[in-house]
Each structure stands twice: as structure tokens, then as C-alpha cells.
Amino acid sequence: MQIDLAMLVALVGIIGGIISSSLAILNSRSNKKRNDKAEGQQIGVILTKLEDIKTTIDGINRRSEIHEEDNIKIVTRLTAVEESAKSAHKRIDTLETKI
């Protein structure tokens, strides 16, 4: 009877080990799926934020180009005004010497 009881205890132990291992594997897979889903959501949020940053930078670059064009126009106009003022000063100096 003891041999049968020992075999029964060993068999129950083996079956228990197989069941607990199976449950551990299933639980691990379930946790991996949940972790993968959460990680995918986090990556999606990060990608969305990066796209927003890219859009903002593109807008800043466009405004910077517009400011550069405006500065070129201002410098061109300033040069013309300086030439005009220089010419006016020469004419004024000429008039002063005549008077």
C-alpha cells in the first residue's frame, strides 16, 4: 500500500507541477500582451507629440524665412534712404556755399 501511496503522491506532485507551470506560462503571455498594448499606446503618444513638435518647428522655420525676406527689403530701402540723404546733404552744402 505504501508504494501505491508514494506513487499517488508523486503523481499528484507531477500533475500539480504541470498545472502550475501551465498557469504560469498563460499568465506570462497575458501579461506580455498587456505590456505590449501599454507600450504601443505609449509609443503612439510619443509619436503624436513628436509630430506636434515637428509641425511647430516647421511653422517657426516658415516665419523665420519671412522675417529674413523682410530684413532684406528693409536693408535695401535703408541703403536707398542713406544714398538719398547723402545726396541731399551735398545739395544743402552746395546751397550754403552759394549763400
PDB file of N, CA and C in Angstrom:
ATOM      1  N   MET A   1       0.812  -1.191   0.000  1.00  0.00           N
ATOM      2  CA  MET A   1       0.000   0.000   0.000  1.00  0.00           C
ATOM      3  C   MET A   1       0.863   1.264   0.000  1.00  0.00           C
ATOM      4  N   GLN A   2       2.004   1.203   0.689  1.00  0.00           N
ATOM      5  CA  GLN A   2       2.851   2.373   0.745  1.00  0.00           C
ATOM      6  C   GLN A   2       3.421   2.707  -0.619  1.00  0.00           C
ATOM      7  N   ILE A   3       3.705   1.746  -1.428  1.00  0.00           N
ATOM      8  CA  ILE A   3       4.227   2.013  -2.762  1.00  0.00           C
ATOM      9  C   ILE A   3       3.165   2.696  -3.591  1.00  0.00           C
ATOM     10  N   ASP A   4       1.957   2.246  -3.471  1.00  0.00           N
ATOM     11  CA  ASP A   4       0.874   2.870  -4.204  1.00  0.00           C
ATOM     12  C   ASP A   4       0.640   4.298  -3.713  1.00  0.00           C
ATOM     13  N   LEU A   5       0.738   4.504  -2.420  1.00  0.00           N
ATOM     14  CA  LEU A   5       0.553   5.837  -1.858  1.00  0.00           C
ATOM     15  C   LEU A   5       1.694   6.752  -2.294  1.00  0.00           C
ATOM     16  N   ALA A   6       2.899   6.264  -2.317  1.00  0.00           N
ATOM     17  CA  ALA A   6       4.052   7.050  -2.752  1.00  0.00           C
ATOM     18  C   ALA A   6       3.919   7.401  -4.229  1.00  0.00           C
ATOM     19  N   MET A   7       3.461   6.438  -5.020  1.00  0.00           N
ATOM     20  CA  MET A   7       3.244   6.698  -6.440  1.00  0.00           C
ATOM     21  C   MET A   7       2.150   7.742  -6.630  1.00  0.00           C
ATOM     22  N   LEU A   8       1.105   7.633  -5.811  1.00  0.00           N
ATOM     23  CA  LEU A   8      -0.006   8.583  -5.905  1.00  0.00           C
ATOM     24  C   LEU A   8       0.462   9.989  -5.535  1.00  0.00           C
ATOM     25  N   VAL A   9       1.231  10.116  -4.493  1.00  0.00           N
ATOM     26  CA  VAL A   9       1.755  11.419  -4.067  1.00  0.00           C
ATOM     27  C   VAL A   9       2.680  11.979  -5.151  1.00  0.00           C
ATOM     28  N   ALA A  10       3.518  11.129  -5.712  1.00  0.00           N
ATOM     29  CA  ALA A  10       4.419  11.583  -6.772  1.00  0.00           C
ATOM     30  C   ALA A  10       3.634  12.015  -7.993  1.00  0.00           C
ATOM     31  N   LEU A  11       2.609  11.250  -8.342  1.00  0.00           N
ATOM     32  CA  LEU A  11       1.775  11.584  -9.499  1.00  0.00           C
ATOM     33  C   LEU A  11       1.038  12.894  -9.285  1.00  0.00           C
ATOM     34  N   VAL A  12       0.479  13.093  -8.105  1.00  0.00           N
ATOM     35  CA  VAL A  12      -0.208  14.346  -7.775  1.00  0.00           C
ATOM     36  C   VAL A  12       0.788  15.502  -7.825  1.00  0.00           C
ATOM     37  N   GLY A  13       1.989  15.283  -7.339  1.00  0.00           N
ATOM     38  CA  GLY A  13       3.028  16.314  -7.381  1.00  0.00           C
ATOM     39  C   GLY A  13       3.396  16.685  -8.810  1.00  0.00           C
ATOM     40  N   ILE A  14       3.519  15.685  -9.649  1.00  0.00           N
ATOM     41  CA  ILE A  14       3.865  15.936 -11.055  1.00  0.00           C
ATOM     42  C   ILE A  14       2.732  16.679 -11.751  1.00  0.00           C
ATOM     43  N   ILE A  15       1.508  16.219 -11.520  1.00  0.00           N
ATOM     44  CA  ILE A  15       0.349  16.893 -12.141  1.00  0.00           C
ATOM     45  C   ILE A  15       0.239  18.318 -11.629  1.00  0.00           C
ATOM     46  N   GLY A  16       0.440  18.520 -10.337  1.00  0.00           N
ATOM     47  CA  GLY A  16       0.406  19.871  -9.760  1.00  0.00           C
ATOM     48  C   GLY A  16       1.471  20.765 -10.363  1.00  0.00           C
ATOM     49  N   GLY A  17       2.652  20.210 -10.564  1.00  0.00           N
ATOM     50  CA  GLY A  17       3.747  20.976 -11.170  1.00  0.00           C
ATOM     51  C   GLY A  17       3.431  21.366 -12.605  1.00  0.00           C
ATOM     52  N   ILE A  18       2.853  20.404 -13.345  1.00  0.00           N
ATOM     53  CA  ILE A  18       2.483  20.693 -14.743  1.00  0.00           C
ATOM     54  C   ILE A  18       1.412  21.766 -14.798  1.00  0.00           C
ATOM     55  N   ILE A  19       0.412  21.662 -13.930  1.00  0.00           N
ATOM     56  CA  ILE A  19      -0.672  22.661 -13.921  1.00  0.00           C
ATOM     57  C   ILE A  19      -0.130  24.030 -13.530  1.00  0.00           C
ATOM     58  N   SER A  20       0.691  24.079 -12.496  1.00  0.00           N
ATOM     59  CA  SER A  20       1.223  25.389 -12.066  1.00  0.00           C
ATOM     60  C   SER A  20       2.135  25.981 -13.136  1.00  0.00           C
ATOM     61  N   SER A  21       2.917  25.154 -13.808  1.00  0.00           N
ATOM     62  CA  SER A  21       3.766  25.652 -14.902  1.00  0.00           C
ATOM     63  C   SER A  21       2.919  26.179 -16.048  1.00  0.00           C
ATOM     64  N   SER A  22       1.849  25.444 -16.375  1.00  0.00           N
ATOM     65  CA  SER A  22       0.954  25.885 -17.450  1.00  0.00           C
ATOM     66  C   SER A  22       0.304  27.214 -17.109  1.00  0.00           C
ATOM     67  N   LEU A  23      -0.164  27.340 -15.880  1.00  0.00           N
ATOM     68  CA  LEU A  23      -0.789  28.602 -15.446  1.00  0.00           C
ATOM     69  C   LEU A  23       0.225  29.752 -15.463  1.00  0.00           C
ATOM     70  N   ALA A  24       1.445  29.454 -15.071  1.00  0.00           N
ATOM     71  CA  ALA A  24       2.485  30.495 -15.081  1.00  0.00           C
ATOM     72  C   ALA A  24       2.764  30.956 -16.510  1.00  0.00           C
ATOM     73  N   ILE A  25       2.814  30.015 -17.447  1.00  0.00           N
ATOM     74  CA  ILE A  25       3.053  30.365 -18.854  1.00  0.00           C
ATOM     75  C   ILE A  25       1.893  31.193 -19.401  1.00  0.00           C
ATOM     76  N   LEU A  26       0.658  30.768 -19.111  1.00  0.00           N
ATOM     77  CA  LEU A  26      -0.515  31.525 -19.582  1.00  0.00           C
ATOM     78  C   LEU A  26      -0.537  32.931 -18.981  1.00  0.00           C
ATOM     79  N   ASN A  27      -0.224  33.035 -17.705  1.00  0.00           N
ATOM     80  CA  ASN A  27      -0.196  34.336 -17.045  1.00  0.00           C
ATOM     81  C   ASN A  27       0.893  35.220 -17.644  1.00  0.00           C
ATOM     82  N   SER A  28       2.036  34.623 -17.938  1.00  0.00           N
ATOM     83  CA  SER A  28       3.136  35.377 -18.540  1.00  0.00           C
ATOM     84  C   SER A  28       2.740  35.916 -19.906  1.00  0.00           C
ATOM     85  N   ARG A  29       2.083  35.086 -20.714  1.00  0.00           N
ATOM     86  CA  ARG A  29       1.638  35.536 -22.034  1.00  0.00           C
ATOM     87  C   ARG A  29       0.611  36.645 -21.921  1.00  0.00           C
ATOM     88  N   SER A  30      -0.305  36.507 -20.958  1.00  0.00           N
ATOM     89  CA  SER A  30      -1.333  37.533 -20.758  1.00  0.00           C
ATOM     90  C   SER A  30      -0.692  38.854 -20.354  1.00  0.00           C
ATOM     91  N   ASN A  31       0.267  38.784 -19.434  1.00  0.00           N
ATOM     92  CA  ASN A  31       0.961  39.998 -19.003  1.00  0.00           C
ATOM     93  C   ASN A  31       1.753  40.613 -20.153  1.00  0.00           C
ATOM     94  N   LYS A  32       2.360  39.768 -20.983  1.00  0.00           N
ATOM     95  CA  LYS A  32       3.119  40.281 -22.127  1.00  0.00           C
ATOM     96  C   LYS A  32       2.193  41.017 -23.084  1.00  0.00           C
ATOM     97  N   LYS A  33       1.016  40.464 -23.331  1.00  0.00           N
ATOM     98  CA  LYS A  33       0.062  41.134 -24.225  1.00  0.00           C
ATOM     99  C   LYS A  33      -0.346  42.485 -23.652  1.00  0.00           C
ATOM    100  N   ARG A  34      -0.617  42.514 -22.352  1.00  0.00           N
ATOM    101  CA  ARG A  34      -0.994  43.789 -21.717  1.00  0.00           C
ATOM    102  C   ARG A  34       0.159  44.789 -21.776  1.00  0.00           C
ATOM    103  N   ASN A  35       1.376  44.294 -21.505  1.00  0.00           N
ATOM    104  CA  ASN A  35       2.545  45.169 -21.557  1.00  0.00           C
ATOM    105  C   ASN A  35       2.788  45.678 -22.974  1.00  0.00           C
ATOM    106  N   ASP A  36       2.629  44.801 -23.957  1.00  0.00           N
ATOM    107  CA  ASP A  36       2.808  45.218 -25.351  1.00  0.00           C
ATOM    108  C   ASP A  36       1.782  46.271 -25.739  1.00  0.00           C
ATOM    109  N   LYS A  37       0.543  46.088 -25.293  1.00  0.00           N
ATOM    110  CA  LYS A  37      -0.513  47.048 -25.607  1.00  0.00           C
ATOM    111  C   LYS A  37      -0.199  48.405 -24.959  1.00  0.00           C
ATOM    112  N   ALA A  38       0.193  48.377 -23.694  1.00  0.00           N
ATOM    113  CA  ALA A  38       0.528  49.627 -22.995  1.00  0.00           C
ATOM    114  C   ALA A  38       1.734  50.292 -23.650  1.00  0.00           C
ATOM    115  N   GLU A  39       2.719  49.501 -24.038  1.00  0.00           N
ATOM    116  CA  GLU A  39       3.906  50.057 -24.695  1.00  0.00           C
ATOM    117  C   GLU A  39       3.534  50.664 -26.048  1.00  0.00           C
ATOM    118  N   GLY A  40       2.643  49.987 -26.769  1.00  0.00           N
ATOM    119  CA  GLY A  40       2.180  50.525 -28.054  1.00  0.00           C
ATOM    120  C   GLY A  40       1.460  51.846 -27.879  1.00  0.00           C
ATOM    121  N   GLN A  41       0.660  51.958 -26.838  1.00  0.00           N
ATOM    122  CA  GLN A  41      -0.038  53.207 -26.567  1.00  0.00           C
ATOM    123  C   GLN A  41       0.957  54.314 -26.228  1.00  0.00           C
ATOM    124  N   GLN A  42       1.956  53.987 -25.440  1.00  0.00           N
ATOM    125  CA  GLN A  42       2.972  54.987 -25.082  1.00  0.00           C
ATOM    126  C   GLN A  42       3.742  55.439 -26.313  1.00  0.00           C
ATOM    127  N   ILE A  43       4.073  54.503 -27.182  1.00  0.00           N
ATOM    128  CA  ILE A  43       4.790  54.859 -28.412  1.00  0.00           C
ATOM    129  C   ILE A  43       3.911  55.747 -29.281  1.00  0.00           C
ATOM    130  N   GLY A  44       2.615  55.433 -29.331  1.00  0.00           N
ATOM    131  CA  GLY A  44       1.691  56.263 -30.104  1.00  0.00           C
ATOM    132  C   GLY A  44       1.635  57.683 -29.575  1.00  0.00           C
ATOM    133  N   VAL A  45       1.601  57.832 -28.259  1.00  0.00           N
ATOM    134  CA  VAL A  45       1.577  59.169 -27.650  1.00  0.00           C
ATOM    135  C   VAL A  45       2.867  59.912 -27.978  1.00  0.00           C
ATOM    136  N   ILE A  46       3.986  59.222 -27.875  1.00  0.00           N
ATOM    137  CA  ILE A  46       5.282  59.852 -28.163  1.00  0.00           C
ATOM    138  C   ILE A  46       5.350  60.294 -29.616  1.00  0.00           C
ATOM    139  N   LEU A  47       4.903  59.429 -30.529  1.00  0.00           N
ATOM    140  CA  LEU A  47       4.933  59.784 -31.949  1.00  0.00           C
ATOM    141  C   LEU A  47       4.032  60.981 -32.239  1.00  0.00           C
ATOM    142  N   THR A  48       2.880  61.037 -31.583  1.00  0.00           N
ATOM    143  CA  THR A  48       1.977  62.183 -31.762  1.00  0.00           C
ATOM    144  C   THR A  48       2.640  63.472 -31.272  1.00  0.00           C
ATOM    145  N   LYS A  49       3.282  63.400 -30.123  1.00  0.00           N
ATOM    146  CA  LYS A  49       3.964  64.584 -29.591  1.00  0.00           C
ATOM    147  C   LYS A  49       5.120  65.006 -30.493  1.00  0.00           C
ATOM    148  N   LEU A  50       5.852  64.041 -31.027  1.00  0.00           N
ATOM    149  CA  LEU A  50       6.949  64.369 -31.946  1.00  0.00           C
ATOM    150  C   LEU A  50       6.414  65.034 -33.209  1.00  0.00           C
ATOM    151  N   GLU A  51       5.278  64.569 -33.697  1.00  0.00           N
ATOM    152  CA  GLU A  51       4.669  65.174 -34.892  1.00  0.00           C
ATOM    153  C   GLU A  51       4.248  66.611 -34.601  1.00  0.00           C
ATOM    154  N   ASP A  52       3.700  66.844 -33.392  1.00  0.00           N
ATOM    155  CA  ASP A  52       3.337  68.206 -33.000  1.00  0.00           C
ATOM    156  C   ASP A  52       4.575  69.102 -32.941  1.00  0.00           C
ATOM    157  N   ILE A  53       5.665  68.583 -32.391  1.00  0.00           N
ATOM    158  CA  ILE A  53       6.907  69.351 -32.314  1.00  0.00           C
ATOM    159  C   ILE A  53       7.417  69.667 -33.712  1.00  0.00           C
ATOM    160  N   LYS A  54       7.363  68.693 -34.607  1.00  0.00           N
ATOM    161  CA  LYS A  54       7.811  68.896 -35.995  1.00  0.00           C
ATOM    162  C   LYS A  54       6.967  69.971 -36.669  1.00  0.00           C
ATOM    163  N   THR A  55       5.654  69.922 -36.465  1.00  0.00           N
ATOM    164  CA  THR A  55       4.765  70.919 -37.053  1.00  0.00           C
ATOM    165  C   THR A  55       5.103  72.317 -36.521  1.00  0.00           C
ATOM    166  N   THR A  56       5.363  72.414 -35.233  1.00  0.00           N
ATOM    167  CA  THR A  56       5.719  73.698 -34.631  1.00  0.00           C
ATOM    168  C   THR A  56       7.035  74.220 -35.200  1.00  0.00           C
ATOM    169  N   ILE A  57       8.018  73.344 -35.322  1.00  0.00           N
ATOM    170  CA  ILE A  57       9.320  73.749 -35.868  1.00  0.00           C
ATOM    171  C   ILE A  57       9.179  74.194 -37.317  1.00  0.00           C
ATOM    172  N   ASP A  58       8.368  73.478 -38.102  1.00  0.00           N
ATOM    173  CA  ASP A  58       8.142  73.879 -39.495  1.00  0.00           C
ATOM    174  C   ASP A  58       7.527  75.274 -39.564  1.00  0.00           C
ATOM    175  N   GLY A  59       6.580  75.554 -38.668  1.00  0.00           N
ATOM    176  CA  GLY A  59       5.970  76.883 -38.620  1.00  0.00           C
ATOM    177  C   GLY A  59       6.985  77.964 -38.259  1.00  0.00           C
ATOM    178  N   ILE A  60       7.836  77.661 -37.301  1.00  0.00           N
ATOM    179  CA  ILE A  60       8.876  78.614 -36.899  1.00  0.00           C
ATOM    180  C   ILE A  60       9.834  78.870 -38.060  1.00  0.00           C
ATOM    181  N   ASN A  61      10.200  77.813 -38.785  1.00  0.00           N
ATOM    182  CA  ASN A  61      11.092  77.980 -39.940  1.00  0.00           C
ATOM    183  C   ASN A  61      10.453  78.855 -41.012  1.00  0.00           C
ATOM    184  N   ARG A  62       9.164  78.652 -41.273  1.00  0.00           N
ATOM    185  CA  ARG A  62       8.482  79.495 -42.276  1.00  0.00           C
ATOM    186  C   ARG A  62       8.475  80.959 -41.845  1.00  0.00           C
ATOM    187  N   ARG A  63       8.166  81.203 -40.581  1.00  0.00           N
ATOM    188  CA  ARG A  63       8.161  82.591 -40.091  1.00  0.00           C
ATOM    189  C   ARG A  63       9.564  83.195 -40.143  1.00  0.00           C
ATOM    190  N   SER A  64      10.573  82.393 -39.857  1.00  0.00           N
ATOM    191  CA  SER A  64      11.956  82.866 -39.917  1.00  0.00           C
ATOM    192  C   SER A  64      12.322  83.278 -41.344  1.00  0.00           C
ATOM    193  N   GLU A  65      11.902  82.484 -42.324  1.00  0.00           N
ATOM    194  CA  GLU A  65      12.178  82.831 -43.721  1.00  0.00           C
ATOM    195  C   GLU A  65      11.483  84.131 -44.106  1.00  0.00           C
ATOM    196  N   ILE A  66      10.263  84.321 -43.637  1.00  0.00           N
ATOM    197  CA  ILE A  66       9.534  85.565 -43.923  1.00  0.00           C
ATOM    198  C   ILE A  66      10.261  86.754 -43.296  1.00  0.00           C
ATOM    199  N   HIS A  67      10.749  86.584 -42.059  1.00  0.00           N
ATOM    200  CA  HIS A  67      11.486  87.675 -41.395  1.00  0.00           C
ATOM    201  C   HIS A  67      12.783  87.991 -42.145  1.00  0.00           C
ATOM    202  N   GLU A  68      13.450  86.956 -42.643  1.00  0.00           N
ATOM    203  CA  GLU A  68      14.680  87.185 -43.409  1.00  0.00           C
ATOM    204  C   GLU A  68      14.382  87.997 -44.673  1.00  0.00           C
ATOM    205  N   GLU A  69      13.300  87.650 -45.357  1.00  0.00           N
ATOM    206  CA  GLU A  69      12.918  88.402 -46.561  1.00  0.00           C
ATOM    207  C   GLU A  69      12.586  89.848 -46.212  1.00  0.00           C
ATOM    208  N   ASP A  70      11.865  90.039 -45.110  1.00  0.00           N
ATOM    209  CA  ASP A  70      11.538  91.402 -44.676  1.00  0.00           C
ATOM    210  C   ASP A  70      12.805  92.188 -44.337  1.00  0.00           C
ATOM    211  N   ASN A  71      13.759  91.548 -43.677  1.00  0.00           N
ATOM    212  CA  ASN A  71      15.015  92.227 -43.332  1.00  0.00           C
ATOM    213  C   ASN A  71      15.782  92.632 -44.582  1.00  0.00           C
ATOM    214  N   ILE A  72      15.786  91.771 -45.599  1.00  0.00           N
ATOM    215  CA  ILE A  72      16.461  92.117 -46.850  1.00  0.00           C
ATOM    216  C   ILE A  72      15.806  93.341 -47.476  1.00  0.00           C
ATOM    217  N   LYS A  73      14.471  93.379 -47.464  1.00  0.00           N
ATOM    218  CA  LYS A  73      13.749  94.532 -48.017  1.00  0.00           C
ATOM    219  C   LYS A  73      14.066  95.799 -47.237  1.00  0.00           C
ATOM    220  N   ILE A  74      14.114  95.668 -45.910  1.00  0.00           N
ATOM    221  CA  ILE A  74      14.405  96.844 -45.075  1.00  0.00           C
ATOM    222  C   ILE A  74      15.818  97.352 -45.333  1.00  0.00           C
ATOM    223  N   VAL A  75      16.776  96.444 -45.421  1.00  0.00           N
ATOM    224  CA  VAL A  75      18.165  96.852 -45.681  1.00  0.00           C
ATOM    225  C   VAL A  75      18.269  97.530 -47.039  1.00  0.00           C
ATOM    226  N   THR A  76      17.574  97.008 -48.046  1.00  0.00           N
ATOM    227  CA  THR A  76      17.596  97.624 -49.375  1.00  0.00           C
ATOM    228  C   THR A  76      17.020  99.034 -49.321  1.00  0.00           C
ATOM    229  N   ARG A  77      15.890  99.190 -48.638  1.00  0.00           N
ATOM    230  CA  ARG A  77      15.276 100.510 -48.523  1.00  0.00           C
ATOM    231  C   ARG A  77      16.156 101.464 -47.713  1.00  0.00           C
ATOM    232  N   LEU A  78      16.786 100.963 -46.649  1.00  0.00           N
ATOM    233  CA  LEU A  78      17.655 101.795 -45.829  1.00  0.00           C
ATOM    234  C   LEU A  78      18.846 102.300 -46.638  1.00  0.00           C
ATOM    235  N   THR A  79      19.397 101.444 -47.467  1.00  0.00           N
ATOM    236  CA  THR A  79      20.518 101.848 -48.318  1.00  0.00           C
ATOM    237  C   THR A  79      20.093 102.968 -49.265  1.00  0.00           C
ATOM    238  N   ALA A  80      18.901 102.826 -49.833  1.00  0.00           N
ATOM    239  CA  ALA A  80      18.396 103.873 -50.732  1.00  0.00           C
ATOM    240  C   ALA A  80      18.171 105.173 -49.977  1.00  0.00           C
ATOM    241  N   VAL A  81      17.659 105.108 -48.763  1.00  0.00           N
ATOM    242  CA  VAL A  81      17.433 106.319 -47.953  1.00  0.00           C
ATOM    243  C   VAL A  81      18.763 106.959 -47.589  1.00  0.00           C
ATOM    244  N   GLU A  82      19.758 106.164 -47.257  1.00  0.00           N
ATOM    245  CA  GLU A  82      21.077 106.713 -46.927  1.00  0.00           C
ATOM    246  C   GLU A  82      21.670 107.431 -48.142  1.00  0.00           C
ATOM    247  N   GLU A  83      21.549 106.844 -49.323  1.00  0.00           N
ATOM    248  CA  GLU A  83      22.047 107.488 -50.544  1.00  0.00           C
ATOM    249  C   GLU A  83      21.308 108.788 -50.807  1.00  0.00           C
ATOM    250  N   SER A  84      20.000 108.756 -50.578  1.00  0.00           N
ATOM    251  CA  SER A  84      19.200 109.967 -50.794  1.00  0.00           C
ATOM    252  C   SER A  84      19.595 111.061 -49.805  1.00  0.00           C
ATOM    253  N   ALA A  85      19.821 110.681 -48.546  1.00  0.00           N
ATOM    254  CA  ALA A  85      20.225 111.653 -47.528  1.00  0.00           C
ATOM    255  C   ALA A  85      21.609 112.217 -47.851  1.00  0.00           C
ATOM    256  N   LYS A  86      22.501 111.375 -48.327  1.00  0.00           N
ATOM    257  CA  LYS A  86      23.844 111.827 -48.701  1.00  0.00           C
ATOM    258  C   LYS A  86      23.766 112.843 -49.843  1.00  0.00           C
ATOM    259  N   SER A  87      22.920 112.544 -50.829  1.00  0.00           N
ATOM    260  CA  SER A  87      22.738 113.454 -51.957  1.00  0.00           C
ATOM    261  C   SER A  87      22.136 114.778 -51.488  1.00  0.00           C
ATOM    262  N   ALA A  88      21.155 114.672 -50.566  1.00  0.00           N
ATOM    263  CA  ALA A  88      20.523 115.892 -50.051  1.00  0.00           C
ATOM    264  C   ALA A  88      21.528 116.739 -49.283  1.00  0.00           C
ATOM    265  N   HIS A  89      22.391 116.115 -48.510  1.00  0.00           N
ATOM    266  CA  HIS A  89      23.404 116.865 -47.767  1.00  0.00           C
ATOM    267  C   HIS A  89      24.357 117.589 -48.719  1.00  0.00           C
ATOM    268  N   LYS A  90      24.727 116.932 -49.807  1.00  0.00           N
ATOM    269  CA  LYS A  90      25.609 117.583 -50.791  1.00  0.00           C
ATOM    270  C   LYS A  90      24.919 118.807 -51.397  1.00  0.00           C
ATOM    271  N   ARG A  91      23.616 118.665 -51.712  1.00  0.00           N
ATOM    272  CA  ARG A  91      22.894 119.800 -52.290  1.00  0.00           C
ATOM    273  C   ARG A  91      22.772 120.935 -51.283  1.00  0.00           C
ATOM    274  N   ILE A  92      22.539 120.552 -50.007  1.00  0.00           N
ATOM    275  CA  ILE A  92      22.447 121.586 -48.968  1.00  0.00           C
ATOM    276  C   ILE A  92      23.794 122.280 -48.802  1.00  0.00           C
ATOM    277  N   ASP A  93      24.872 121.505 -48.805  1.00  0.00           N
ATOM    278  CA  ASP A  93      26.210 122.103 -48.674  1.00  0.00           C
ATOM    279  C   ASP A  93      26.485 123.043 -49.835  1.00  0.00           C
ATOM    280  N   THR A  94      26.074 122.652 -51.047  1.00  0.00           N
ATOM    281  CA  THR A  94      26.262 123.488 -52.231  1.00  0.00           C
ATOM    282  C   THR A  94      25.488 124.783 -52.081  1.00  0.00           C
ATOM    283  N   LEU A  95      24.245 124.705 -51.615  1.00  0.00           N
ATOM    284  CA  LEU A  95      23.426 125.914 -51.399  1.00  0.00           C
ATOM    285  C   LEU A  95      24.031 126.812 -50.347  1.00  0.00           C
ATOM    286  N   GLU A  96      24.581 126.237 -49.302  1.00  0.00           N
ATOM    287  CA  GLU A  96      25.175 127.032 -48.222  1.00  0.00           C
ATOM    288  C   GLU A  96      26.399 127.781 -48.717  1.00  0.00           C
ATOM    289  N   THR A  97      27.162 127.163 -49.592  1.00  0.00           N
ATOM    290  CA  THR A  97      28.348 127.852 -50.105  1.00  0.00           C
ATOM    291  C   THR A  97      27.949 128.979 -51.057  1.00  0.00           C
ATOM    292  N   LYS A  98      26.808 128.829 -51.740  1.00  0.00           N
ATOM    293  CA  LYS A  98      26.342 129.887 -52.620  1.00  0.00           C
ATOM    294  C   LYS A  98      25.769 131.055 -51.834  1.00  0.00           C
ATOM    295  N   ILE A  99      25.270 130.785 -50.690  1.00  0.00           N
ATOM    296  CA  ILE A  99      24.647 131.862 -49.918  1.00  0.00           C
ATOM    297  C   ILE A  99      25.669 132.589 -49.156  1.00  0.00           C
TER     298      ILE A  99
END
